[in-house]
Amino acid sequence: VAAYTRSQECVEQMRLAFERRRDLI
C-alpha cells in the first residue's frame, strides 16, 4: 500500500540506474 500510494521518486531513481547499467553492458 505504501509503495503504491506514496512518492514514486524511488522508482525513477532505480529506473535511471538500470538505464545507466543497460548502456554500460
PDBML (XML) file of the C-alpha atoms, coordinates in Angstrom:
<?xml version="1.0" encoding="UTF-8" ?>
<PDBx:datablock datablockName="MODEL"
   xmlns:PDBx="http://pdbml.pdb.org/schema/pdbx-v50.xsd"
   xmlns:xsi="http://www.w3.org/2001/XMLSchema-instance"
   xsi:schemaLocation="http://pdbml.pdb.org/schema/pdbx-v50.xsd pdbx-v50.xsd">
   <PDBx:atom_siteCategory>
      <PDBx:atom_site id="1">
         <PDBx:B_iso_or_equiv>0.00</PDBx:B_iso_or_equiv>
         <PDBx:Cartn_x>0.000</PDBx:Cartn_x>
         <PDBx:Cartn_y>0.000</PDBx:Cartn_y>
         <PDBx:Cartn_z>0.000</PDBx:Cartn_z>
         <PDBx:auth_asym_id>A</PDBx:auth_asym_id>
         <PDBx:auth_atom_id>CA</PDBx:auth_atom_id>
         <PDBx:auth_comp_id>VAL</PDBx:auth_comp_id>
         <PDBx:auth_seq_id>1</PDBx:auth_seq_id>
         <PDBx:group_PDB>ATOM</PDBx:group_PDB>
         <PDBx:label_alt_id xsi:nil="true" />
         <PDBx:label_asym_id>A</PDBx:label_asym_id>
         <PDBx:label_atom_id>CA</PDBx:label_atom_id>
         <PDBx:label_comp_id>VAL</PDBx:label_comp_id>
         <PDBx:label_entity_id>1</PDBx:label_entity_id>
         <PDBx:label_seq_id>1</PDBx:label_seq_id>
         <PDBx:occupancy>1.00</PDBx:occupancy>
         <PDBx:pdbx_PDB_model_num>1</PDBx:pdbx_PDB_model_num>
         <PDBx:type_symbol>C</PDBx:type_symbol>
      </PDBx:atom_site>
      <PDBx:atom_site id="2">
         <PDBx:B_iso_or_equiv>0.00</PDBx:B_iso_or_equiv>
         <PDBx:Cartn_x>2.822</PDBx:Cartn_x>
         <PDBx:Cartn_y>2.399</PDBx:Cartn_y>
         <PDBx:Cartn_z>0.888</PDBx:Cartn_z>
         <PDBx:auth_asym_id>A</PDBx:auth_asym_id>
         <PDBx:auth_atom_id>CA</PDBx:auth_atom_id>
         <PDBx:auth_comp_id>ALA</PDBx:auth_comp_id>
         <PDBx:auth_seq_id>2</PDBx:auth_seq_id>
         <PDBx:group_PDB>ATOM</PDBx:group_PDB>
         <PDBx:label_alt_id xsi:nil="true" />
         <PDBx:label_asym_id>A</PDBx:label_asym_id>
         <PDBx:label_atom_id>CA</PDBx:label_atom_id>
         <PDBx:label_comp_id>ALA</PDBx:label_comp_id>
         <PDBx:label_entity_id>1</PDBx:label_entity_id>
         <PDBx:label_seq_id>2</PDBx:label_seq_id>
         <PDBx:occupancy>1.00</PDBx:occupancy>
         <PDBx:pdbx_PDB_model_num>1</PDBx:pdbx_PDB_model_num>
         <PDBx:type_symbol>C</PDBx:type_symbol>
      </PDBx:atom_site>
      <PDBx:atom_site id="3">
         <PDBx:B_iso_or_equiv>0.00</PDBx:B_iso_or_equiv>
         <PDBx:Cartn_x>4.636</PDBx:Cartn_x>
         <PDBx:Cartn_y>1.501</PDBx:Cartn_y>
         <PDBx:Cartn_z>-2.334</PDBx:Cartn_z>
         <PDBx:auth_asym_id>A</PDBx:auth_asym_id>
         <PDBx:auth_atom_id>CA</PDBx:auth_atom_id>
         <PDBx:auth_comp_id>ALA</PDBx:auth_comp_id>
         <PDBx:auth_seq_id>3</PDBx:auth_seq_id>
         <PDBx:group_PDB>ATOM</PDBx:group_PDB>
         <PDBx:label_alt_id xsi:nil="true" />
         <PDBx:label_asym_id>A</PDBx:label_asym_id>
         <PDBx:label_atom_id>CA</PDBx:label_atom_id>
         <PDBx:label_comp_id>ALA</PDBx:label_comp_id>
         <PDBx:label_entity_id>1</PDBx:label_entity_id>
         <PDBx:label_seq_id>3</PDBx:label_seq_id>
         <PDBx:occupancy>1.00</PDBx:occupancy>
         <PDBx:pdbx_PDB_model_num>1</PDBx:pdbx_PDB_model_num>
         <PDBx:type_symbol>C</PDBx:type_symbol>
      </PDBx:atom_site>
      <PDBx:atom_site id="4">
         <PDBx:B_iso_or_equiv>0.00</PDBx:B_iso_or_equiv>
         <PDBx:Cartn_x>1.639</PDBx:Cartn_x>
         <PDBx:Cartn_y>2.389</PDBx:Cartn_y>
         <PDBx:Cartn_z>-4.485</PDBx:Cartn_z>
         <PDBx:auth_asym_id>A</PDBx:auth_asym_id>
         <PDBx:auth_atom_id>CA</PDBx:auth_atom_id>
         <PDBx:auth_comp_id>TYR</PDBx:auth_comp_id>
         <PDBx:auth_seq_id>4</PDBx:auth_seq_id>
         <PDBx:group_PDB>ATOM</PDBx:group_PDB>
         <PDBx:label_alt_id xsi:nil="true" />
         <PDBx:label_asym_id>A</PDBx:label_asym_id>
         <PDBx:label_atom_id>CA</PDBx:label_atom_id>
         <PDBx:label_comp_id>TYR</PDBx:label_comp_id>
         <PDBx:label_entity_id>1</PDBx:label_entity_id>
         <PDBx:label_seq_id>4</PDBx:label_seq_id>
         <PDBx:occupancy>1.00</PDBx:occupancy>
         <PDBx:pdbx_PDB_model_num>1</PDBx:pdbx_PDB_model_num>
         <PDBx:type_symbol>C</PDBx:type_symbol>
      </PDBx:atom_site>
      <PDBx:atom_site id="5">
         <PDBx:B_iso_or_equiv>0.00</PDBx:B_iso_or_equiv>
         <PDBx:Cartn_x>0.316</PDBx:Cartn_x>
         <PDBx:Cartn_y>5.429</PDBx:Cartn_y>
         <PDBx:Cartn_z>-2.590</PDBx:Cartn_z>
         <PDBx:auth_asym_id>A</PDBx:auth_asym_id>
         <PDBx:auth_atom_id>CA</PDBx:auth_atom_id>
         <PDBx:auth_comp_id>THR</PDBx:auth_comp_id>
         <PDBx:auth_seq_id>5</PDBx:auth_seq_id>
         <PDBx:group_PDB>ATOM</PDBx:group_PDB>
         <PDBx:label_alt_id xsi:nil="true" />
         <PDBx:label_asym_id>A</PDBx:label_asym_id>
         <PDBx:label_atom_id>CA</PDBx:label_atom_id>
         <PDBx:label_comp_id>THR</PDBx:label_comp_id>
         <PDBx:label_entity_id>1</PDBx:label_entity_id>
         <PDBx:label_seq_id>5</PDBx:label_seq_id>
         <PDBx:occupancy>1.00</PDBx:occupancy>
         <PDBx:pdbx_PDB_model_num>1</PDBx:pdbx_PDB_model_num>
         <PDBx:type_symbol>C</PDBx:type_symbol>
      </PDBx:atom_site>
      <PDBx:atom_site id="6">
         <PDBx:B_iso_or_equiv>0.00</PDBx:B_iso_or_equiv>
         <PDBx:Cartn_x>3.451</PDBx:Cartn_x>
         <PDBx:Cartn_y>7.288</PDBx:Cartn_y>
         <PDBx:Cartn_z>-1.532</PDBx:Cartn_z>
         <PDBx:auth_asym_id>A</PDBx:auth_asym_id>
         <PDBx:auth_atom_id>CA</PDBx:auth_atom_id>
         <PDBx:auth_comp_id>ARG</PDBx:auth_comp_id>
         <PDBx:auth_seq_id>6</PDBx:auth_seq_id>
         <PDBx:group_PDB>ATOM</PDBx:group_PDB>
         <PDBx:label_alt_id xsi:nil="true" />
         <PDBx:label_asym_id>A</PDBx:label_asym_id>
         <PDBx:label_atom_id>CA</PDBx:label_atom_id>
         <PDBx:label_comp_id>ARG</PDBx:label_comp_id>
         <PDBx:label_entity_id>1</PDBx:label_entity_id>
         <PDBx:label_seq_id>6</PDBx:label_seq_id>
         <PDBx:occupancy>1.00</PDBx:occupancy>
         <PDBx:pdbx_PDB_model_num>1</PDBx:pdbx_PDB_model_num>
         <PDBx:type_symbol>C</PDBx:type_symbol>
      </PDBx:atom_site>
      <PDBx:atom_site id="7">
         <PDBx:B_iso_or_equiv>0.00</PDBx:B_iso_or_equiv>
         <PDBx:Cartn_x>6.143</PDBx:Cartn_x>
         <PDBx:Cartn_y>9.096</PDBx:Cartn_y>
         <PDBx:Cartn_z>-3.553</PDBx:Cartn_z>
         <PDBx:auth_asym_id>A</PDBx:auth_asym_id>
         <PDBx:auth_atom_id>CA</PDBx:auth_atom_id>
         <PDBx:auth_comp_id>SER</PDBx:auth_comp_id>
         <PDBx:auth_seq_id>7</PDBx:auth_seq_id>
         <PDBx:group_PDB>ATOM</PDBx:group_PDB>
         <PDBx:label_alt_id xsi:nil="true" />
         <PDBx:label_asym_id>A</PDBx:label_asym_id>
         <PDBx:label_atom_id>CA</PDBx:label_atom_id>
         <PDBx:label_comp_id>SER</PDBx:label_comp_id>
         <PDBx:label_entity_id>1</PDBx:label_entity_id>
         <PDBx:label_seq_id>7</PDBx:label_seq_id>
         <PDBx:occupancy>1.00</PDBx:occupancy>
         <PDBx:pdbx_PDB_model_num>1</PDBx:pdbx_PDB_model_num>
         <PDBx:type_symbol>C</PDBx:type_symbol>
      </PDBx:atom_site>
      <PDBx:atom_site id="8">
         <PDBx:B_iso_or_equiv>0.00</PDBx:B_iso_or_equiv>
         <PDBx:Cartn_x>7.265</PDBx:Cartn_x>
         <PDBx:Cartn_y>7.334</PDBx:Cartn_y>
         <PDBx:Cartn_z>-6.739</PDBx:Cartn_z>
         <PDBx:auth_asym_id>A</PDBx:auth_asym_id>
         <PDBx:auth_atom_id>CA</PDBx:auth_atom_id>
         <PDBx:auth_comp_id>GLN</PDBx:auth_comp_id>
         <PDBx:auth_seq_id>8</PDBx:auth_seq_id>
         <PDBx:group_PDB>ATOM</PDBx:group_PDB>
         <PDBx:label_alt_id xsi:nil="true" />
         <PDBx:label_asym_id>A</PDBx:label_asym_id>
         <PDBx:label_atom_id>CA</PDBx:label_atom_id>
         <PDBx:label_comp_id>GLN</PDBx:label_comp_id>
         <PDBx:label_entity_id>1</PDBx:label_entity_id>
         <PDBx:label_seq_id>8</PDBx:label_seq_id>
         <PDBx:occupancy>1.00</PDBx:occupancy>
         <PDBx:pdbx_PDB_model_num>1</PDBx:pdbx_PDB_model_num>
         <PDBx:type_symbol>C</PDBx:type_symbol>
      </PDBx:atom_site>
      <PDBx:atom_site id="9">
         <PDBx:B_iso_or_equiv>0.00</PDBx:B_iso_or_equiv>
         <PDBx:Cartn_x>10.671</PDBx:Cartn_x>
         <PDBx:Cartn_y>9.051</PDBx:Cartn_y>
         <PDBx:Cartn_z>-6.737</PDBx:Cartn_z>
         <PDBx:auth_asym_id>A</PDBx:auth_asym_id>
         <PDBx:auth_atom_id>CA</PDBx:auth_atom_id>
         <PDBx:auth_comp_id>GLU</PDBx:auth_comp_id>
         <PDBx:auth_seq_id>9</PDBx:auth_seq_id>
         <PDBx:group_PDB>ATOM</PDBx:group_PDB>
         <PDBx:label_alt_id xsi:nil="true" />
         <PDBx:label_asym_id>A</PDBx:label_asym_id>
         <PDBx:label_atom_id>CA</PDBx:label_atom_id>
         <PDBx:label_comp_id>GLU</PDBx:label_comp_id>
         <PDBx:label_entity_id>1</PDBx:label_entity_id>
         <PDBx:label_seq_id>9</PDBx:label_seq_id>
         <PDBx:occupancy>1.00</PDBx:occupancy>
         <PDBx:pdbx_PDB_model_num>1</PDBx:pdbx_PDB_model_num>
         <PDBx:type_symbol>C</PDBx:type_symbol>
      </PDBx:atom_site>
      <PDBx:atom_site id="10">
         <PDBx:B_iso_or_equiv>0.00</PDBx:B_iso_or_equiv>
         <PDBx:Cartn_x>12.392</PDBx:Cartn_x>
         <PDBx:Cartn_y>5.811</PDBx:Cartn_y>
         <PDBx:Cartn_z>-5.667</PDBx:Cartn_z>
         <PDBx:auth_asym_id>A</PDBx:auth_asym_id>
         <PDBx:auth_atom_id>CA</PDBx:auth_atom_id>
         <PDBx:auth_comp_id>CYS</PDBx:auth_comp_id>
         <PDBx:auth_seq_id>10</PDBx:auth_seq_id>
         <PDBx:group_PDB>ATOM</PDBx:group_PDB>
         <PDBx:label_alt_id xsi:nil="true" />
         <PDBx:label_asym_id>A</PDBx:label_asym_id>
         <PDBx:label_atom_id>CA</PDBx:label_atom_id>
         <PDBx:label_comp_id>CYS</PDBx:label_comp_id>
         <PDBx:label_entity_id>1</PDBx:label_entity_id>
         <PDBx:label_seq_id>10</PDBx:label_seq_id>
         <PDBx:occupancy>1.00</PDBx:occupancy>
         <PDBx:pdbx_PDB_model_num>1</PDBx:pdbx_PDB_model_num>
         <PDBx:type_symbol>C</PDBx:type_symbol>
      </PDBx:atom_site>
      <PDBx:atom_site id="11">
         <PDBx:B_iso_or_equiv>0.00</PDBx:B_iso_or_equiv>
         <PDBx:Cartn_x>11.026</PDBx:Cartn_x>
         <PDBx:Cartn_y>4.051</PDBx:Cartn_y>
         <PDBx:Cartn_z>-8.769</PDBx:Cartn_z>
         <PDBx:auth_asym_id>A</PDBx:auth_asym_id>
         <PDBx:auth_atom_id>CA</PDBx:auth_atom_id>
         <PDBx:auth_comp_id>VAL</PDBx:auth_comp_id>
         <PDBx:auth_seq_id>11</PDBx:auth_seq_id>
         <PDBx:group_PDB>ATOM</PDBx:group_PDB>
         <PDBx:label_alt_id xsi:nil="true" />
         <PDBx:label_asym_id>A</PDBx:label_asym_id>
         <PDBx:label_atom_id>CA</PDBx:label_atom_id>
         <PDBx:label_comp_id>VAL</PDBx:label_comp_id>
         <PDBx:label_entity_id>1</PDBx:label_entity_id>
         <PDBx:label_seq_id>11</PDBx:label_seq_id>
         <PDBx:occupancy>1.00</PDBx:occupancy>
         <PDBx:pdbx_PDB_model_num>1</PDBx:pdbx_PDB_model_num>
         <PDBx:type_symbol>C</PDBx:type_symbol>
      </PDBx:atom_site>
      <PDBx:atom_site id="12">
         <PDBx:B_iso_or_equiv>0.00</PDBx:B_iso_or_equiv>
         <PDBx:Cartn_x>12.508</PDBx:Cartn_x>
         <PDBx:Cartn_y>6.684</PDBx:Cartn_y>
         <PDBx:Cartn_z>-11.065</PDBx:Cartn_z>
         <PDBx:auth_asym_id>A</PDBx:auth_asym_id>
         <PDBx:auth_atom_id>CA</PDBx:auth_atom_id>
         <PDBx:auth_comp_id>GLU</PDBx:auth_comp_id>
         <PDBx:auth_seq_id>12</PDBx:auth_seq_id>
         <PDBx:group_PDB>ATOM</PDBx:group_PDB>
         <PDBx:label_alt_id xsi:nil="true" />
         <PDBx:label_asym_id>A</PDBx:label_asym_id>
         <PDBx:label_atom_id>CA</PDBx:label_atom_id>
         <PDBx:label_comp_id>GLU</PDBx:label_comp_id>
         <PDBx:label_entity_id>1</PDBx:label_entity_id>
         <PDBx:label_seq_id>12</PDBx:label_seq_id>
         <PDBx:occupancy>1.00</PDBx:occupancy>
         <PDBx:pdbx_PDB_model_num>1</PDBx:pdbx_PDB_model_num>
         <PDBx:type_symbol>C</PDBx:type_symbol>
      </PDBx:atom_site>
      <PDBx:atom_site id="13">
         <PDBx:B_iso_or_equiv>0.00</PDBx:B_iso_or_equiv>
         <PDBx:Cartn_x>15.867</PDBx:Cartn_x>
         <PDBx:Cartn_y>6.635</PDBx:Cartn_y>
         <PDBx:Cartn_z>-9.267</PDBx:Cartn_z>
         <PDBx:auth_asym_id>A</PDBx:auth_asym_id>
         <PDBx:auth_atom_id>CA</PDBx:auth_atom_id>
         <PDBx:auth_comp_id>GLN</PDBx:auth_comp_id>
         <PDBx:auth_seq_id>13</PDBx:auth_seq_id>
         <PDBx:group_PDB>ATOM</PDBx:group_PDB>
         <PDBx:label_alt_id xsi:nil="true" />
         <PDBx:label_asym_id>A</PDBx:label_asym_id>
         <PDBx:label_atom_id>CA</PDBx:label_atom_id>
         <PDBx:label_comp_id>GLN</PDBx:label_comp_id>
         <PDBx:label_entity_id>1</PDBx:label_entity_id>
         <PDBx:label_seq_id>13</PDBx:label_seq_id>
         <PDBx:occupancy>1.00</PDBx:occupancy>
         <PDBx:pdbx_PDB_model_num>1</PDBx:pdbx_PDB_model_num>
         <PDBx:type_symbol>C</PDBx:type_symbol>
      </PDBx:atom_site>
      <PDBx:atom_site id="14">
         <PDBx:B_iso_or_equiv>0.00</PDBx:B_iso_or_equiv>
         <PDBx:Cartn_x>16.144</PDBx:Cartn_x>
         <PDBx:Cartn_y>2.876</PDBx:Cartn_y>
         <PDBx:Cartn_z>-9.747</PDBx:Cartn_z>
         <PDBx:auth_asym_id>A</PDBx:auth_asym_id>
         <PDBx:auth_atom_id>CA</PDBx:auth_atom_id>
         <PDBx:auth_comp_id>MET</PDBx:auth_comp_id>
         <PDBx:auth_seq_id>14</PDBx:auth_seq_id>
         <PDBx:group_PDB>ATOM</PDBx:group_PDB>
         <PDBx:label_alt_id xsi:nil="true" />
         <PDBx:label_asym_id>A</PDBx:label_asym_id>
         <PDBx:label_atom_id>CA</PDBx:label_atom_id>
         <PDBx:label_comp_id>MET</PDBx:label_comp_id>
         <PDBx:label_entity_id>1</PDBx:label_entity_id>
         <PDBx:label_seq_id>14</PDBx:label_seq_id>
         <PDBx:occupancy>1.00</PDBx:occupancy>
         <PDBx:pdbx_PDB_model_num>1</PDBx:pdbx_PDB_model_num>
         <PDBx:type_symbol>C</PDBx:type_symbol>
      </PDBx:atom_site>
      <PDBx:atom_site id="15">
         <PDBx:B_iso_or_equiv>0.00</PDBx:B_iso_or_equiv>
         <PDBx:Cartn_x>14.999</PDBx:Cartn_x>
         <PDBx:Cartn_y>3.145</PDBx:Cartn_y>
         <PDBx:Cartn_z>-13.377</PDBx:Cartn_z>
         <PDBx:auth_asym_id>A</PDBx:auth_asym_id>
         <PDBx:auth_atom_id>CA</PDBx:auth_atom_id>
         <PDBx:auth_comp_id>ARG</PDBx:auth_comp_id>
         <PDBx:auth_seq_id>15</PDBx:auth_seq_id>
         <PDBx:group_PDB>ATOM</PDBx:group_PDB>
         <PDBx:label_alt_id xsi:nil="true" />
         <PDBx:label_asym_id>A</PDBx:label_asym_id>
         <PDBx:label_atom_id>CA</PDBx:label_atom_id>
         <PDBx:label_comp_id>ARG</PDBx:label_comp_id>
         <PDBx:label_entity_id>1</PDBx:label_entity_id>
         <PDBx:label_seq_id>15</PDBx:label_seq_id>
         <PDBx:occupancy>1.00</PDBx:occupancy>
         <PDBx:pdbx_PDB_model_num>1</PDBx:pdbx_PDB_model_num>
         <PDBx:type_symbol>C</PDBx:type_symbol>
      </PDBx:atom_site>
      <PDBx:atom_site id="16">
         <PDBx:B_iso_or_equiv>0.00</PDBx:B_iso_or_equiv>
         <PDBx:Cartn_x>17.740</PDBx:Cartn_x>
         <PDBx:Cartn_y>5.676</PDBx:Cartn_y>
         <PDBx:Cartn_z>-14.081</PDBx:Cartn_z>
         <PDBx:auth_asym_id>A</PDBx:auth_asym_id>
         <PDBx:auth_atom_id>CA</PDBx:auth_atom_id>
         <PDBx:auth_comp_id>LEU</PDBx:auth_comp_id>
         <PDBx:auth_seq_id>16</PDBx:auth_seq_id>
         <PDBx:group_PDB>ATOM</PDBx:group_PDB>
         <PDBx:label_alt_id xsi:nil="true" />
         <PDBx:label_asym_id>A</PDBx:label_asym_id>
         <PDBx:label_atom_id>CA</PDBx:label_atom_id>
         <PDBx:label_comp_id>LEU</PDBx:label_comp_id>
         <PDBx:label_entity_id>1</PDBx:label_entity_id>
         <PDBx:label_seq_id>16</PDBx:label_seq_id>
         <PDBx:occupancy>1.00</PDBx:occupancy>
         <PDBx:pdbx_PDB_model_num>1</PDBx:pdbx_PDB_model_num>
         <PDBx:type_symbol>C</PDBx:type_symbol>
      </PDBx:atom_site>
      <PDBx:atom_site id="17">
         <PDBx:B_iso_or_equiv>0.00</PDBx:B_iso_or_equiv>
         <PDBx:Cartn_x>20.335</PDBx:Cartn_x>
         <PDBx:Cartn_y>3.373</PDBx:Cartn_y>
         <PDBx:Cartn_z>-12.503</PDBx:Cartn_z>
         <PDBx:auth_asym_id>A</PDBx:auth_asym_id>
         <PDBx:auth_atom_id>CA</PDBx:auth_atom_id>
         <PDBx:auth_comp_id>ALA</PDBx:auth_comp_id>
         <PDBx:auth_seq_id>17</PDBx:auth_seq_id>
         <PDBx:group_PDB>ATOM</PDBx:group_PDB>
         <PDBx:label_alt_id xsi:nil="true" />
         <PDBx:label_asym_id>A</PDBx:label_asym_id>
         <PDBx:label_atom_id>CA</PDBx:label_atom_id>
         <PDBx:label_comp_id>ALA</PDBx:label_comp_id>
         <PDBx:label_entity_id>1</PDBx:label_entity_id>
         <PDBx:label_seq_id>17</PDBx:label_seq_id>
         <PDBx:occupancy>1.00</PDBx:occupancy>
         <PDBx:pdbx_PDB_model_num>1</PDBx:pdbx_PDB_model_num>
         <PDBx:type_symbol>C</PDBx:type_symbol>
      </PDBx:atom_site>
      <PDBx:atom_site id="18">
         <PDBx:B_iso_or_equiv>0.00</PDBx:B_iso_or_equiv>
         <PDBx:Cartn_x>19.123</PDBx:Cartn_x>
         <PDBx:Cartn_y>0.452</PDBx:Cartn_y>
         <PDBx:Cartn_z>-14.618</PDBx:Cartn_z>
         <PDBx:auth_asym_id>A</PDBx:auth_asym_id>
         <PDBx:auth_atom_id>CA</PDBx:auth_atom_id>
         <PDBx:auth_comp_id>PHE</PDBx:auth_comp_id>
         <PDBx:auth_seq_id>18</PDBx:auth_seq_id>
         <PDBx:group_PDB>ATOM</PDBx:group_PDB>
         <PDBx:label_alt_id xsi:nil="true" />
         <PDBx:label_asym_id>A</PDBx:label_asym_id>
         <PDBx:label_atom_id>CA</PDBx:label_atom_id>
         <PDBx:label_comp_id>PHE</PDBx:label_comp_id>
         <PDBx:label_entity_id>1</PDBx:label_entity_id>
         <PDBx:label_seq_id>18</PDBx:label_seq_id>
         <PDBx:occupancy>1.00</PDBx:occupancy>
         <PDBx:pdbx_PDB_model_num>1</PDBx:pdbx_PDB_model_num>
         <PDBx:type_symbol>C</PDBx:type_symbol>
      </PDBx:atom_site>
      <PDBx:atom_site id="19">
         <PDBx:B_iso_or_equiv>0.00</PDBx:B_iso_or_equiv>
         <PDBx:Cartn_x>19.270</PDBx:Cartn_x>
         <PDBx:Cartn_y>2.610</PDBx:Cartn_y>
         <PDBx:Cartn_z>-17.741</PDBx:Cartn_z>
         <PDBx:auth_asym_id>A</PDBx:auth_asym_id>
         <PDBx:auth_atom_id>CA</PDBx:auth_atom_id>
         <PDBx:auth_comp_id>GLU</PDBx:auth_comp_id>
         <PDBx:auth_seq_id>19</PDBx:auth_seq_id>
         <PDBx:group_PDB>ATOM</PDBx:group_PDB>
         <PDBx:label_alt_id xsi:nil="true" />
         <PDBx:label_asym_id>A</PDBx:label_asym_id>
         <PDBx:label_atom_id>CA</PDBx:label_atom_id>
         <PDBx:label_comp_id>GLU</PDBx:label_comp_id>
         <PDBx:label_entity_id>1</PDBx:label_entity_id>
         <PDBx:label_seq_id>19</PDBx:label_seq_id>
         <PDBx:occupancy>1.00</PDBx:occupancy>
         <PDBx:pdbx_PDB_model_num>1</PDBx:pdbx_PDB_model_num>
         <PDBx:type_symbol>C</PDBx:type_symbol>
      </PDBx:atom_site>
      <PDBx:atom_site id="20">
         <PDBx:B_iso_or_equiv>0.00</PDBx:B_iso_or_equiv>
         <PDBx:Cartn_x>22.870</PDBx:Cartn_x>
         <PDBx:Cartn_y>3.573</PDBx:Cartn_y>
         <PDBx:Cartn_z>-16.995</PDBx:Cartn_z>
         <PDBx:auth_asym_id>A</PDBx:auth_asym_id>
         <PDBx:auth_atom_id>CA</PDBx:auth_atom_id>
         <PDBx:auth_comp_id>ARG</PDBx:auth_comp_id>
         <PDBx:auth_seq_id>20</PDBx:auth_seq_id>
         <PDBx:group_PDB>ATOM</PDBx:group_PDB>
         <PDBx:label_alt_id xsi:nil="true" />
         <PDBx:label_asym_id>A</PDBx:label_asym_id>
         <PDBx:label_atom_id>CA</PDBx:label_atom_id>
         <PDBx:label_comp_id>ARG</PDBx:label_comp_id>
         <PDBx:label_entity_id>1</PDBx:label_entity_id>
         <PDBx:label_seq_id>20</PDBx:label_seq_id>
         <PDBx:occupancy>1.00</PDBx:occupancy>
         <PDBx:pdbx_PDB_model_num>1</PDBx:pdbx_PDB_model_num>
         <PDBx:type_symbol>C</PDBx:type_symbol>
      </PDBx:atom_site>
      <PDBx:atom_site id="21">
         <PDBx:B_iso_or_equiv>0.00</PDBx:B_iso_or_equiv>
         <PDBx:Cartn_x>23.747</PDBx:Cartn_x>
         <PDBx:Cartn_y>-0.086</PDBx:Cartn_y>
         <PDBx:Cartn_z>-16.461</PDBx:Cartn_z>
         <PDBx:auth_asym_id>A</PDBx:auth_asym_id>
         <PDBx:auth_atom_id>CA</PDBx:auth_atom_id>
         <PDBx:auth_comp_id>ARG</PDBx:auth_comp_id>
         <PDBx:auth_seq_id>21</PDBx:auth_seq_id>
         <PDBx:group_PDB>ATOM</PDBx:group_PDB>
         <PDBx:label_alt_id xsi:nil="true" />
         <PDBx:label_asym_id>A</PDBx:label_asym_id>
         <PDBx:label_atom_id>CA</PDBx:label_atom_id>
         <PDBx:label_comp_id>ARG</PDBx:label_comp_id>
         <PDBx:label_entity_id>1</PDBx:label_entity_id>
         <PDBx:label_seq_id>21</PDBx:label_seq_id>
         <PDBx:occupancy>1.00</PDBx:occupancy>
         <PDBx:pdbx_PDB_model_num>1</PDBx:pdbx_PDB_model_num>
         <PDBx:type_symbol>C</PDBx:type_symbol>
      </PDBx:atom_site>
      <PDBx:atom_site id="22">
         <PDBx:B_iso_or_equiv>0.00</PDBx:B_iso_or_equiv>
         <PDBx:Cartn_x>21.940</PDBx:Cartn_x>
         <PDBx:Cartn_y>-1.039</PDBx:Cartn_y>
         <PDBx:Cartn_z>-19.674</PDBx:Cartn_z>
         <PDBx:auth_asym_id>A</PDBx:auth_asym_id>
         <PDBx:auth_atom_id>CA</PDBx:auth_atom_id>
         <PDBx:auth_comp_id>ARG</PDBx:auth_comp_id>
         <PDBx:auth_seq_id>22</PDBx:auth_seq_id>
         <PDBx:group_PDB>ATOM</PDBx:group_PDB>
         <PDBx:label_alt_id xsi:nil="true" />
         <PDBx:label_asym_id>A</PDBx:label_asym_id>
         <PDBx:label_atom_id>CA</PDBx:label_atom_id>
         <PDBx:label_comp_id>ARG</PDBx:label_comp_id>
         <PDBx:label_entity_id>1</PDBx:label_entity_id>
         <PDBx:label_seq_id>22</PDBx:label_seq_id>
         <PDBx:occupancy>1.00</PDBx:occupancy>
         <PDBx:pdbx_PDB_model_num>1</PDBx:pdbx_PDB_model_num>
         <PDBx:type_symbol>C</PDBx:type_symbol>
      </PDBx:atom_site>
      <PDBx:atom_site id="23">
         <PDBx:B_iso_or_equiv>0.00</PDBx:B_iso_or_equiv>
         <PDBx:Cartn_x>24.103</PDBx:Cartn_x>
         <PDBx:Cartn_y>1.416</PDBx:Cartn_y>
         <PDBx:Cartn_z>-21.589</PDBx:Cartn_z>
         <PDBx:auth_asym_id>A</PDBx:auth_asym_id>
         <PDBx:auth_atom_id>CA</PDBx:auth_atom_id>
         <PDBx:auth_comp_id>ASP</PDBx:auth_comp_id>
         <PDBx:auth_seq_id>23</PDBx:auth_seq_id>
         <PDBx:group_PDB>ATOM</PDBx:group_PDB>
         <PDBx:label_alt_id xsi:nil="true" />
         <PDBx:label_asym_id>A</PDBx:label_asym_id>
         <PDBx:label_atom_id>CA</PDBx:label_atom_id>
         <PDBx:label_comp_id>ASP</PDBx:label_comp_id>
         <PDBx:label_entity_id>1</PDBx:label_entity_id>
         <PDBx:label_seq_id>23</PDBx:label_seq_id>
         <PDBx:occupancy>1.00</PDBx:occupancy>
         <PDBx:pdbx_PDB_model_num>1</PDBx:pdbx_PDB_model_num>
         <PDBx:type_symbol>C</PDBx:type_symbol>
      </PDBx:atom_site>
      <PDBx:atom_site id="24">
         <PDBx:B_iso_or_equiv>0.00</PDBx:B_iso_or_equiv>
         <PDBx:Cartn_x>27.237</PDBx:Cartn_x>
         <PDBx:Cartn_y>0.073</PDBx:Cartn_y>
         <PDBx:Cartn_z>-19.876</PDBx:Cartn_z>
         <PDBx:auth_asym_id>A</PDBx:auth_asym_id>
         <PDBx:auth_atom_id>CA</PDBx:auth_atom_id>
         <PDBx:auth_comp_id>LEU</PDBx:auth_comp_id>
         <PDBx:auth_seq_id>24</PDBx:auth_seq_id>
         <PDBx:group_PDB>ATOM</PDBx:group_PDB>
         <PDBx:label_alt_id xsi:nil="true" />
         <PDBx:label_asym_id>A</PDBx:label_asym_id>
         <PDBx:label_atom_id>CA</PDBx:label_atom_id>
         <PDBx:label_comp_id>LEU</PDBx:label_comp_id>
         <PDBx:label_entity_id>1</PDBx:label_entity_id>
         <PDBx:label_seq_id>24</PDBx:label_seq_id>
         <PDBx:occupancy>1.00</PDBx:occupancy>
         <PDBx:pdbx_PDB_model_num>1</PDBx:pdbx_PDB_model_num>
         <PDBx:type_symbol>C</PDBx:type_symbol>
      </PDBx:atom_site>
      <PDBx:atom_site id="25">
         <PDBx:B_iso_or_equiv>0.00</PDBx:B_iso_or_equiv>
         <PDBx:Cartn_x>26.587</PDBx:Cartn_x>
         <PDBx:Cartn_y>-3.637</PDBx:Cartn_y>
         <PDBx:Cartn_z>-20.503</PDBx:Cartn_z>
         <PDBx:auth_asym_id>A</PDBx:auth_asym_id>
         <PDBx:auth_atom_id>CA</PDBx:auth_atom_id>
         <PDBx:auth_comp_id>ILE</PDBx:auth_comp_id>
         <PDBx:auth_seq_id>25</PDBx:auth_seq_id>
         <PDBx:group_PDB>ATOM</PDBx:group_PDB>
         <PDBx:label_alt_id xsi:nil="true" />
         <PDBx:label_asym_id>A</PDBx:label_asym_id>
         <PDBx:label_atom_id>CA</PDBx:label_atom_id>
         <PDBx:label_comp_id>ILE</PDBx:label_comp_id>
         <PDBx:label_entity_id>1</PDBx:label_entity_id>
         <PDBx:label_seq_id>25</PDBx:label_seq_id>
         <PDBx:occupancy>1.00</PDBx:occupancy>
         <PDBx:pdbx_PDB_model_num>1</PDBx:pdbx_PDB_model_num>
         <PDBx:type_symbol>C</PDBx:type_symbol>
      </PDBx:atom_site>
   </PDBx:atom_siteCategory>
</PDBx:datablock>
